[in-house]
Amino acid sequence: MKIRKSSVWFFLLLFIIFSFSFCKKEKSKRNTKKVQKQEVSKKKKLTREDIMKKFGIKSREDFKKLTPEQRRKFFQMMKALREGGGGANLPLVKIKRIKKAPILNYLTFNTTLEPEKKVPIYSRVDGIISRIIKDEGSFVKKGEILALIDDKDIRNSYEQAKLSVRQAEINLKDAKIKMEDEEANFKRSQSLYKEKIISEKDFSAAKLNYRSAQLSYERAKQQLDIEKEKFKALELQLSYTKIKSPIEGWITSRKIDQGMRVSPGTELYTVEDFDPLLARVYVPEKDIVKIKTGMDVNVKSEVYPDLFKGKVKIINPRIDPQSGTFRVTISIRDKSLKLRPGMLVTCNIIISKKKDAIIVPKKAIFYRNGEPYVFTLKRGGVVKSKKIKLGTELEKDYEVLEGLREGEIVVVQGMENIKDGARVKVL
């Protein structure tokens, strides 16, 4: 009897434990289903219209009124909407929104720079270089002394010529006084001769003396002019012993050393003016009609990231019959003096400008049968290929003439992993 009661209690205890465990599992299942239903409910609520409504966007103007923080949240929600919960298995892409931008249409030429003024300096006198004052790489002003030639011999001749001029001036003064005296004596003798006071012989002698004094004065005057010319020549020769720069610029060559003998015609220095610099390009016959004097030119050098400005200065009217090109000279002013003669530069002659052009990155373009296409991103993260027509080629972009509008989104990275109609995940 006791054994039967123990069995009853044992089965009763097992029933209670089983019932409790069963109820706990059922409750857990109900909670799991509830959570899943909530998640499904949330996914159903996450639509583009709801997001637009949440931020009060009904037009492009409404979007422009959003604060930067609101725009950030908007894009985050739209990104989550595009990914749609299954983004882990979707191709990854990077995108860019198409915008309008000003562009330049230009003709490109490569050439080397040269100075507008390049002046070689020659010796004008014979002598020995006594001193070097300026060397290569020095900036000099017009008239600044670059070197000196020993002027000892020329200076001695110069001083003697100065004395000769003074002596000639004294001789001329004496000759003038004597001529004036003889003139007065002649006039007095002339009066006396008319009155028959003196003889004709005395009158003739007075006349001869006056004429002789006149000739002596003329010779003294001529001699003074000769001595002055000699003095001026030697003064000029003395000035030539100071080698001066004829222009303002940079010394690009020195061909003399101290102690070296030079003679007239010996090249001493070369001075170049770097402002402005000139770029001479050769334009094909078909393009010359597009170019006019005064056009702006963008100049680039591989040495610097800077963009330098120039203008078309001269268009040679004669065509080269061998090359079929016209020579066009471009003037470039560079106050920074970064550009130097001999540098290789790229000259972009701007022939037209557009204020609002559709621009697409080069890396967004792919080709089918030789025709350019891009992938555009649509609603729900779906991409679609579009054929486009290209215009002016820029450094990193292309102008789009047909096929794209401002505001459209194109794929710029990951095109190799997608095809028309594919869903993608945006990085």
Protein backbone atom coordinates (compact mmCIF):
# COMPACT_ATOMS: atom_id res chain seq x y z
CA MET A 1 0.00 0.00 0.00
CA LYS A 2 2.79 2.33 0.87
CA ILE A 3 4.56 1.48 -2.40
CA ARG A 4 1.40 2.38 -4.43
CA LYS A 5 1.11 5.82 -2.74
CA SER A 6 4.78 6.59 -3.43
CA SER A 7 4.31 5.80 -7.13
CA VAL A 8 1.31 8.11 -7.35
CA TRP A 9 3.27 10.99 -5.83
CA PHE A 10 6.21 10.30 -8.12
CA PHE A 11 4.08 10.45 -11.31
CA LEU A 12 2.31 13.55 -10.00
CA LEU A 13 5.68 15.28 -9.50
CA LEU A 14 6.78 14.34 -13.02
CA PHE A 15 3.55 15.72 -14.45
CA ILE A 16 4.03 19.05 -12.66
CA ILE A 17 7.64 19.38 -13.90
CA PHE A 18 6.65 18.51 -17.49
CA SER A 19 3.77 20.95 -17.44
CA PHE A 20 6.01 23.79 -16.17
CA SER A 21 8.65 23.11 -18.82
CA PHE A 22 6.03 22.93 -21.57
CA CYS A 23 4.48 26.26 -20.54
CA LYS A 24 7.93 27.93 -20.49
CA LYS A 25 8.74 26.73 -24.01
CA GLU A 26 5.37 27.87 -25.32
CA LYS A 27 5.89 31.32 -23.81
CA SER A 28 9.37 31.55 -25.38
CA LYS A 29 7.92 30.63 -28.80
CA ARG A 30 5.20 33.23 -28.47
CA ASN A 31 7.79 35.93 -27.56
CA THR A 32 9.98 34.96 -30.54
CA LYS A 33 7.04 35.15 -32.94
CA LYS A 34 6.05 38.49 -31.46
CA VAL A 35 9.54 39.90 -32.03
CA GLN A 36 9.61 38.58 -35.60
CA LYS A 37 6.21 40.11 -36.27
CA GLN A 38 7.48 43.45 -34.89
CA GLU A 39 10.56 43.31 -37.14
CA VAL A 40 8.45 42.46 -40.16
CA SER A 41 6.13 45.28 -39.21
CA LYS A 42 9.07 47.69 -38.98
CA LYS A 43 10.39 46.60 -42.37
CA LYS A 44 7.01 47.18 -43.90
CA LYS A 45 6.92 50.69 -42.44
CA LEU A 46 10.42 51.58 -43.85
CA THR A 47 9.44 52.96 -47.27
CA ARG A 48 10.73 55.85 -49.33
CA GLU A 49 7.43 57.69 -48.92
CA ASP A 50 7.61 57.36 -45.13
CA ILE A 51 11.15 58.74 -45.08
CA MET A 52 10.20 61.63 -47.34
CA LYS A 53 7.16 62.31 -45.14
CA LYS A 54 9.23 62.10 -41.95
CA PHE A 55 11.48 64.91 -43.18
CA GLY A 56 8.66 66.86 -44.86
CA ILE A 57 10.19 66.59 -48.34
CA LYS A 58 7.79 67.12 -51.21
CA SER A 59 10.14 68.82 -53.67
CA ARG A 60 13.80 69.64 -54.26
CA GLU A 61 13.32 73.00 -52.54
CA ASP A 62 12.15 71.22 -49.34
CA PHE A 63 15.36 69.15 -49.35
CA LYS A 64 17.50 72.30 -49.64
CA LYS A 65 15.86 73.63 -46.45
CA LEU A 66 17.09 70.71 -44.34
CA THR A 67 19.91 71.28 -41.88
CA PRO A 68 23.21 69.39 -42.39
CA GLU A 69 22.30 67.03 -39.52
CA GLN A 70 18.87 66.33 -41.01
CA ARG A 71 20.44 65.63 -44.40
CA ARG A 72 22.88 63.19 -42.79
CA LYS A 73 20.06 61.26 -41.10
CA PHE A 74 18.04 61.34 -44.32
CA PHE A 75 20.86 59.76 -46.31
CA GLN A 76 21.45 57.17 -43.58
CA MET A 77 17.80 56.08 -43.71
CA MET A 78 17.78 56.03 -47.50
CA LYS A 79 20.95 53.94 -47.48
CA ALA A 80 19.34 51.47 -45.06
CA LEU A 81 16.28 51.37 -47.31
CA ARG A 82 18.42 50.60 -50.38
CA GLU A 83 20.29 47.83 -48.55
CA GLY A 84 16.91 46.28 -47.61
CA GLY A 85 18.25 44.03 -44.88
CA GLY A 86 19.96 41.67 -47.29
CA GLY A 87 22.89 43.89 -48.23
CA ALA A 88 25.55 41.52 -46.99
CA ASN A 89 25.34 39.49 -50.23
CA LEU A 90 24.97 42.46 -52.62
CA PRO A 91 27.81 43.88 -54.82
CA LEU A 92 29.54 46.86 -53.23
CA VAL A 93 29.74 50.11 -55.22
CA LYS A 94 30.67 53.74 -54.78
CA ILE A 95 28.48 56.45 -56.25
CA LYS A 96 28.55 60.12 -57.17
CA ARG A 97 25.77 62.60 -57.85
CA ILE A 98 25.93 64.37 -61.22
CA LYS A 99 26.37 68.13 -60.99
CA LYS A 100 26.76 71.07 -63.33
CA ALA A 101 30.05 72.91 -63.43
CA PRO A 102 31.84 75.50 -65.60
CA ILE A 103 34.27 74.00 -68.12
CA LEU A 104 36.80 75.30 -70.61
CA ASN A 105 37.24 74.13 -74.16
CA TYR A 106 40.85 74.49 -75.21
CA LEU A 107 43.58 73.47 -77.63
CA THR A 108 46.63 71.88 -76.01
CA PHE A 109 50.26 72.28 -77.06
CA ASN A 110 53.59 71.35 -75.48
CA THR A 111 56.60 73.60 -75.85
CA THR A 112 59.58 75.12 -74.02
CA LEU A 113 59.77 78.60 -72.56
CA GLU A 114 62.09 81.35 -73.72
CA PRO A 115 62.66 84.92 -72.52
CA GLU A 116 61.27 87.87 -74.40
CA LYS A 117 64.61 89.67 -73.95
CA LYS A 118 67.93 87.83 -74.15
CA VAL A 119 70.89 90.20 -74.49
CA PRO A 120 74.52 89.11 -74.98
CA ILE A 121 77.06 91.68 -73.71
CA TYR A 122 80.31 92.23 -75.63
CA SER A 123 83.50 94.09 -74.80
CA ARG A 124 84.04 97.41 -76.59
CA VAL A 125 87.62 97.98 -75.53
CA ASP A 126 90.89 96.11 -75.31
CA GLY A 127 92.08 95.30 -71.80
CA ILE A 128 92.37 92.90 -68.88
CA ILE A 129 89.47 91.98 -66.60
CA SER A 130 90.43 93.48 -63.26
CA ARG A 131 87.34 92.50 -61.24
CA ILE A 132 84.26 90.26 -61.45
CA ILE A 133 81.34 91.89 -59.61
CA LYS A 134 78.30 89.84 -60.68
CA ASP A 135 78.13 86.12 -61.39
CA GLU A 136 75.65 83.73 -63.03
CA GLY A 137 72.30 83.58 -61.26
CA SER A 138 72.45 87.21 -60.09
CA PHE A 139 69.51 89.54 -60.66
CA VAL A 140 70.70 92.91 -61.98
CA LYS A 141 69.06 96.21 -62.78
CA LYS A 142 69.53 98.18 -65.96
CA GLY A 143 72.90 100.02 -65.83
CA GLU A 144 74.27 97.95 -62.95
CA ILE A 145 78.02 97.19 -63.17
CA LEU A 146 78.85 93.51 -63.77
CA ALA A 147 82.66 93.61 -64.16
CA LEU A 148 85.59 96.02 -64.57
CA ILE A 149 88.33 96.20 -67.21
CA ASP A 150 91.70 97.67 -66.21
CA ASP A 151 91.45 101.35 -67.27
CA LYS A 152 95.00 102.56 -66.49
CA ASP A 153 96.11 103.22 -70.08
CA ILE A 154 92.77 104.66 -71.16
CA ARG A 155 92.59 106.86 -68.07
CA ASN A 156 96.06 108.33 -68.79
CA SER A 157 94.98 109.20 -72.33
CA TYR A 158 91.74 110.57 -70.91
CA GLU A 159 93.58 112.90 -68.51
CA GLN A 160 95.89 114.11 -71.29
CA ALA A 161 92.89 114.81 -73.49
CA LYS A 162 91.32 116.78 -70.66
CA LEU A 163 94.46 118.95 -70.45
CA SER A 164 94.50 119.40 -74.22
CA VAL A 165 90.93 120.67 -74.10
CA ARG A 166 91.82 123.19 -71.43
CA GLN A 167 94.86 124.36 -73.45
CA ALA A 168 92.74 124.69 -76.58
CA GLU A 169 90.20 126.75 -74.63
CA ILE A 170 93.00 129.09 -73.50
CA ASN A 171 94.35 129.37 -77.06
CA LEU A 172 90.88 130.15 -78.35
CA LYS A 173 90.44 132.85 -75.72
CA ASP A 174 93.80 134.45 -76.66
CA ALA A 175 92.98 134.25 -80.35
CA LYS A 176 89.66 135.92 -79.73
CA ILE A 177 91.26 138.78 -77.79
CA LYS A 178 93.88 139.29 -80.51
CA MET A 179 91.22 139.20 -83.21
CA GLU A 180 89.14 141.82 -81.38
CA ASP A 181 92.24 144.07 -81.01
CA GLU A 182 93.14 143.75 -84.69
CA GLU A 183 89.52 144.41 -85.61
CA ALA A 184 89.56 147.65 -83.60
CA ASN A 185 92.90 148.65 -85.16
CA PHE A 186 91.54 147.90 -88.65
CA LYS A 187 88.46 150.05 -88.12
CA ARG A 188 90.61 152.93 -86.81
CA SER A 189 93.01 152.64 -89.76
CA GLN A 190 90.09 152.60 -92.14
CA SER A 191 88.85 155.98 -90.79
CA LEU A 192 92.30 157.52 -90.93
CA TYR A 193 92.82 156.26 -94.47
CA LYS A 194 89.59 157.90 -95.61
CA GLU A 195 90.79 161.18 -94.16
CA LYS A 196 94.18 160.76 -95.91
CA ILE A 197 95.97 160.73 -92.56
CA ILE A 198 97.72 157.38 -93.11
CA SER A 199 99.10 155.89 -96.21
CA GLU A 200 97.57 153.05 -98.19
CA LYS A 201 100.47 150.82 -97.11
CA ASP A 202 99.67 151.28 -93.42
CA PHE A 203 95.96 150.64 -94.09
CA SER A 204 96.75 147.44 -96.00
CA ALA A 205 99.01 146.25 -93.17
CA ALA A 206 96.21 146.80 -90.60
CA LYS A 207 93.75 144.96 -92.83
CA LEU A 208 96.17 142.04 -93.26
CA ASN A 209 96.76 141.78 -89.52
CA TYR A 210 92.99 141.69 -88.86
CA ARG A 211 92.48 138.97 -91.46
CA SER A 212 95.34 136.94 -89.98
CA ALA A 213 93.83 137.28 -86.47
CA GLN A 214 90.46 136.04 -87.80
CA LEU A 215 92.11 132.95 -89.31
CA SER A 216 94.00 132.26 -86.07
CA TYR A 217 90.71 132.44 -84.15
CA GLU A 218 89.01 130.02 -86.55
CA ARG A 219 91.96 127.60 -86.27
CA ALA A 220 91.85 127.81 -82.46
CA LYS A 221 88.11 127.18 -82.52
CA GLN A 222 88.51 124.14 -84.76
CA GLN A 223 91.35 122.83 -82.61
CA LEU A 224 89.14 123.10 -79.51
CA ASP A 225 86.41 121.12 -81.28
CA ILE A 226 88.98 118.44 -82.22
CA GLU A 227 90.29 118.20 -78.67
CA LYS A 228 86.77 117.97 -77.30
CA GLU A 229 85.95 115.13 -79.70
CA LYS A 230 89.09 113.29 -78.61
CA PHE A 231 88.14 113.84 -74.99
CA LYS A 232 84.60 112.58 -75.53
CA ALA A 233 85.88 109.48 -77.33
CA LEU A 234 88.28 108.69 -74.49
CA GLU A 235 85.56 109.44 -71.95
CA LEU A 236 83.36 106.92 -73.74
CA GLN A 237 86.22 104.41 -73.88
CA LEU A 238 86.72 104.88 -70.15
CA SER A 239 83.03 104.21 -69.51
CA TYR A 240 83.31 100.99 -71.53
CA THR A 241 85.79 99.64 -68.97
CA LYS A 242 82.75 99.32 -66.66
CA ILE A 243 80.72 96.40 -68.02
CA LYS A 244 77.06 97.34 -67.41
CA SER A 245 73.80 95.48 -67.91
CA PRO A 246 71.70 96.97 -70.74
CA ILE A 247 68.46 95.53 -69.29
CA GLU A 248 66.95 94.39 -66.01
CA GLY A 249 67.08 90.64 -65.65
CA TRP A 250 69.05 87.57 -64.63
CA ILE A 251 72.63 86.73 -65.57
CA THR A 252 72.41 83.36 -67.29
CA SER A 253 75.97 83.21 -68.63
CA ARG A 254 79.41 84.55 -67.62
CA LYS A 255 82.21 83.85 -70.10
CA ILE A 256 85.09 85.78 -68.54
CA ASP A 257 87.41 85.36 -65.56
CA GLN A 258 89.51 87.82 -63.61
CA GLY A 259 92.85 88.46 -65.33
CA MET A 260 91.54 87.46 -68.75
CA ARG A 261 92.42 89.74 -71.69
CA VAL A 262 89.50 90.80 -73.83
CA SER A 263 89.22 92.74 -77.04
CA PRO A 264 86.36 94.48 -78.84
CA GLY A 265 83.77 91.85 -79.79
CA THR A 266 84.58 89.38 -77.00
CA GLU A 267 81.34 88.03 -75.43
CA LEU A 268 81.33 88.68 -71.69
CA TYR A 269 77.85 88.01 -70.25
CA THR A 270 74.29 87.09 -71.21
CA VAL A 271 71.39 88.74 -69.37
CA GLU A 272 67.77 87.53 -69.77
CA ASP A 273 64.52 89.13 -68.69
CA PHE A 274 62.09 86.49 -67.33
CA ASP A 275 59.07 88.79 -67.26
CA PRO A 276 57.41 88.08 -69.56
CA LEU A 277 58.37 84.64 -70.81
CA LEU A 278 57.34 83.47 -74.24
CA ALA A 279 55.96 80.12 -75.39
CA ARG A 280 55.95 79.53 -79.13
CA VAL A 281 53.54 76.84 -80.32
CA TYR A 282 52.74 75.56 -83.79
CA VAL A 283 49.02 75.35 -84.57
CA PRO A 284 47.61 73.16 -87.39
CA GLU A 285 45.89 74.93 -90.25
CA LYS A 286 42.45 73.53 -89.29
CA ASP A 287 42.68 75.05 -85.77
CA ILE A 288 44.22 78.44 -86.50
CA VAL A 289 40.79 79.96 -87.27
CA LYS A 290 39.78 79.26 -83.66
CA ILE A 291 42.59 81.36 -82.19
CA LYS A 292 42.72 85.14 -81.80
CA THR A 293 45.21 87.48 -80.18
CA GLY A 294 44.36 88.29 -76.56
CA MET A 295 42.88 84.84 -75.81
CA ASP A 296 43.56 83.48 -72.32
CA VAL A 297 45.99 80.59 -71.95
CA ASN A 298 46.41 78.24 -68.97
CA VAL A 299 50.03 77.15 -68.60
CA LYS A 300 51.15 74.12 -66.58
CA SER A 301 54.55 72.74 -65.69
CA GLU A 302 55.28 69.27 -64.38
CA VAL A 303 57.57 70.89 -61.79
CA TYR A 304 54.85 72.88 -60.00
CA PRO A 305 51.17 72.27 -59.20
CA ASP A 306 50.43 75.94 -59.90
CA LEU A 307 48.37 77.12 -62.86
CA PHE A 308 50.05 80.03 -64.65
CA LYS A 309 48.25 82.57 -66.83
CA GLY A 310 49.19 83.74 -70.30
CA LYS A 311 47.73 85.40 -73.38
CA VAL A 312 48.06 84.91 -77.12
CA LYS A 313 50.38 87.73 -78.19
CA ILE A 314 51.28 87.12 -81.83
CA ILE A 315 49.81 84.95 -84.60
CA ASN A 316 52.25 84.63 -87.49
CA PRO A 317 50.25 85.18 -90.71
CA ARG A 318 52.51 82.90 -92.74
CA ILE A 319 52.02 79.11 -92.80
CA ASP A 320 55.02 76.81 -92.75
CA PRO A 321 54.65 74.83 -96.00
CA GLN A 322 56.62 71.85 -94.63
CA SER A 323 54.68 71.33 -91.38
CA GLY A 324 51.40 72.99 -92.38
CA THR A 325 51.31 74.98 -89.14
CA PHE A 326 51.18 78.59 -87.98
CA ARG A 327 53.53 79.88 -85.27
CA VAL A 328 51.63 81.39 -82.33
CA THR A 329 53.46 83.28 -79.58
CA ILE A 330 52.08 83.24 -76.03
CA SER A 331 53.17 85.78 -73.43
CA ILE A 332 53.33 84.57 -69.80
CA ARG A 333 53.82 86.82 -66.78
CA ASP A 334 54.99 85.03 -63.63
CA LYS A 335 55.78 87.38 -60.76
CA SER A 336 56.74 84.39 -58.58
CA LEU A 337 59.61 83.62 -61.01
CA LYS A 338 58.92 79.90 -60.69
CA LEU A 339 58.89 79.49 -64.46
CA ARG A 340 62.29 79.68 -66.13
CA PRO A 341 63.51 79.69 -69.73
CA GLY A 342 63.99 76.20 -71.11
CA MET A 343 61.22 74.62 -68.99
CA LEU A 344 58.83 72.25 -70.74
CA VAL A 345 55.23 73.43 -70.31
CA THR A 346 51.74 72.56 -71.49
CA CYS A 347 49.78 75.48 -72.95
CA ASN A 348 45.99 75.22 -73.06
CA ILE A 349 44.61 77.98 -75.32
CA ILE A 350 41.02 78.59 -74.16
CA ILE A 351 38.79 78.86 -77.23
CA SER A 352 35.42 78.71 -75.44
CA LYS A 353 33.82 78.60 -71.98
CA LYS A 354 30.64 76.95 -70.65
CA LYS A 355 29.12 78.01 -67.32
CA ASP A 356 26.75 75.05 -66.75
CA ALA A 357 27.96 71.77 -68.21
CA ILE A 358 27.03 68.25 -67.08
CA ILE A 359 30.20 66.60 -65.77
CA VAL A 360 30.79 62.87 -65.22
CA PRO A 361 33.97 61.31 -63.75
CA LYS A 362 36.08 59.34 -66.23
CA LYS A 363 36.11 56.35 -63.87
CA ALA A 364 32.29 56.09 -64.13
CA ILE A 365 32.41 55.44 -67.89
CA PHE A 366 32.56 52.01 -69.50
CA TYR A 367 32.21 51.06 -73.16
CA ARG A 368 30.00 48.70 -75.13
CA ASN A 369 30.78 48.21 -78.81
CA GLY A 370 32.86 51.38 -78.66
CA GLU A 371 30.00 53.47 -77.22
CA PRO A 372 30.25 55.15 -73.76
CA TYR A 373 27.86 54.07 -70.97
CA VAL A 374 27.39 54.65 -67.23
CA PHE A 375 25.48 52.81 -64.52
CA THR A 376 22.86 54.99 -62.78
CA LEU A 377 21.44 54.14 -59.36
CA LYS A 378 17.65 53.90 -59.15
CA ARG A 379 15.16 53.35 -56.30
CA GLY A 380 15.66 50.26 -54.18
CA GLY A 381 19.39 50.13 -54.91
CA VAL A 382 18.91 48.94 -58.50
CA VAL A 383 21.40 50.00 -61.21
CA LYS A 384 20.62 50.66 -64.85
CA SER A 385 23.05 51.28 -67.72
CA LYS A 386 22.63 54.43 -69.81
CA LYS A 387 24.27 55.38 -73.08
CA ILE A 388 25.80 58.86 -73.04
CA LYS A 389 27.37 61.26 -75.53
CA LEU A 390 30.69 62.76 -74.49
CA GLY A 391 31.91 66.29 -75.13
CA THR A 392 35.10 68.01 -73.95
CA GLU A 393 37.68 65.84 -72.20
CA LEU A 394 38.91 67.33 -68.92
CA GLU A 395 41.67 66.21 -66.58
CA LYS A 396 39.56 63.78 -64.50
CA ASP A 397 36.11 64.20 -66.05
CA TYR A 398 34.19 64.34 -69.30
CA GLU A 399 31.52 66.77 -70.41
CA VAL A 400 28.25 64.91 -71.12
CA LEU A 401 26.27 66.29 -74.04
CA GLU A 402 23.42 63.76 -73.92
CA GLY A 403 22.18 60.97 -71.64
CA LEU A 404 22.51 62.39 -68.10
CA ARG A 405 20.75 65.07 -66.06
CA GLU A 406 21.85 67.05 -63.04
CA GLY A 407 21.07 65.17 -59.82
CA GLU A 408 21.29 61.65 -61.23
CA ILE A 409 23.53 59.20 -59.37
CA VAL A 410 26.20 57.20 -61.21
CA VAL A 411 28.39 54.32 -60.08
CA VAL A 412 32.07 55.28 -59.99
CA GLN A 413 33.53 52.12 -58.50
CA GLY A 414 32.52 48.44 -58.64
CA MET A 415 31.08 48.38 -62.20
CA GLU A 416 32.93 45.15 -62.97
CA ASN A 417 30.75 43.24 -60.46
CA ILE A 418 27.32 44.44 -61.60
CA LYS A 419 24.99 44.23 -64.57
CA ASP A 420 21.77 45.86 -65.73
CA GLY A 421 18.96 45.58 -63.16
CA ALA A 422 21.21 44.31 -60.36
CA ARG A 423 20.68 45.43 -56.75
CA VAL A 424 23.78 46.87 -55.09
CA LYS A 425 25.01 48.02 -51.73
CA VAL A 426 26.50 51.52 -51.52
CA LEU A 427 29.73 51.94 -49.60
